[in-house]
Amino acid sequence: MKKMYEAIWEIFNQCPNNQMRDIFIDEIEIEDVDQFIHEKFKGKDVIFERTDLADGTIVYNITASGIRERYSFSEI
């Protein structure tokens, strides 16, 4: 069954001494967050770690082709 999530995608800046990052926020309806992540980064050299927080938020810390990113999913 599909669920509605608020998805926050953060792309961290690789430049030293620059703490800024790109942040994208969207509402998405999906069945499987793992499948969504695999499809989103398909074809890239990806390492990811999933963390399930006590409040139900699912966080993926991702390194995709050498770039550090984070995806957070909170059920709406």
Protein backbone atom coordinates (compact mmCIF):
# COMPACT_ATOMS: atom_id res chain seq x y z
CA MET A 1 0.00 0.00 0.00
CA LYS A 2 1.32 3.44 -0.90
CA LYS A 3 1.99 5.98 1.84
CA MET A 4 2.41 9.74 1.61
CA TYR A 5 5.76 11.08 2.78
CA GLU A 6 7.44 14.43 3.13
CA ALA A 7 10.81 13.79 1.50
CA ILE A 8 13.80 16.03 2.23
CA TRP A 9 16.83 15.59 -0.04
CA GLU A 10 20.05 17.29 1.05
CA ILE A 11 23.17 17.49 -1.12
CA PHE A 12 26.20 18.57 0.88
CA ASN A 13 28.79 20.94 -0.58
CA GLN A 14 32.22 19.36 -1.12
CA CYS A 15 34.13 22.64 -0.86
CA PRO A 16 36.11 23.06 2.38
CA ASN A 17 34.86 25.77 4.75
CA ASN A 18 31.50 25.97 2.94
CA GLN A 19 28.67 24.66 5.11
CA MET A 20 25.89 25.43 2.59
CA ARG A 21 23.97 22.60 0.95
CA ASP A 22 21.18 22.18 -1.56
CA ILE A 23 17.88 21.17 0.04
CA PHE A 24 14.82 19.93 -1.85
CA ILE A 25 11.49 19.24 -0.11
CA ASP A 26 8.68 17.32 -1.76
CA GLU A 27 5.57 15.31 -0.93
CA ILE A 28 5.63 11.89 -2.56
CA GLU A 29 3.39 8.83 -2.50
CA ILE A 30 5.34 5.56 -2.62
CA GLU A 31 5.06 1.96 -1.44
CA ASP A 32 8.70 1.24 -0.61
CA VAL A 33 11.29 3.85 0.40
CA ASP A 34 14.16 1.39 -0.18
CA GLN A 35 13.04 0.84 -3.77
CA PHE A 36 12.66 4.62 -4.26
CA ILE A 37 16.28 5.19 -3.15
CA HIS A 38 17.61 2.38 -5.36
CA GLU A 39 15.77 3.77 -8.39
CA LYS A 40 16.75 7.39 -7.64
CA PHE A 41 20.47 6.54 -7.63
CA LYS A 42 20.38 3.80 -10.27
CA GLY A 43 23.56 3.68 -12.35
CA LYS A 44 25.68 5.56 -9.81
CA ASP A 45 28.35 4.22 -7.47
CA VAL A 46 26.26 4.32 -4.26
CA ILE A 47 26.81 3.53 -0.61
CA PHE A 48 23.90 4.14 1.74
CA GLU A 49 22.99 3.56 5.36
CA ARG A 50 19.38 3.49 6.55
CA THR A 51 18.40 4.68 10.02
CA ASP A 52 14.88 4.37 11.42
CA LEU A 53 14.24 7.01 14.09
CA ALA A 54 11.91 6.62 17.07
CA ASP A 55 9.41 9.13 15.60
CA GLY A 56 9.02 7.01 12.43
CA THR A 57 11.31 9.12 10.23
CA ILE A 58 13.50 7.11 7.84
CA VAL A 59 16.91 8.64 7.11
CA TYR A 60 19.34 7.52 4.42
CA ASN A 61 22.92 8.79 4.57
CA ILE A 62 24.19 8.38 1.03
CA THR A 63 27.46 8.68 -0.83
CA ALA A 64 26.68 8.74 -4.57
CA SER A 65 29.60 9.00 -6.99
CA GLY A 66 31.64 10.63 -4.22
CA ILE A 67 29.01 13.20 -3.22
CA ARG A 68 27.54 13.11 0.30
CA GLU A 69 23.74 13.30 0.39
CA ARG A 70 20.90 12.63 2.81
CA TYR A 71 17.27 11.65 2.20
CA SER A 72 14.72 11.87 5.05
CA PHE A 73 11.20 10.48 4.81
CA SER A 74 8.46 11.44 7.30
CA GLU A 75 5.03 9.93 6.89
CA ILE A 76 2.27 12.52 6.47
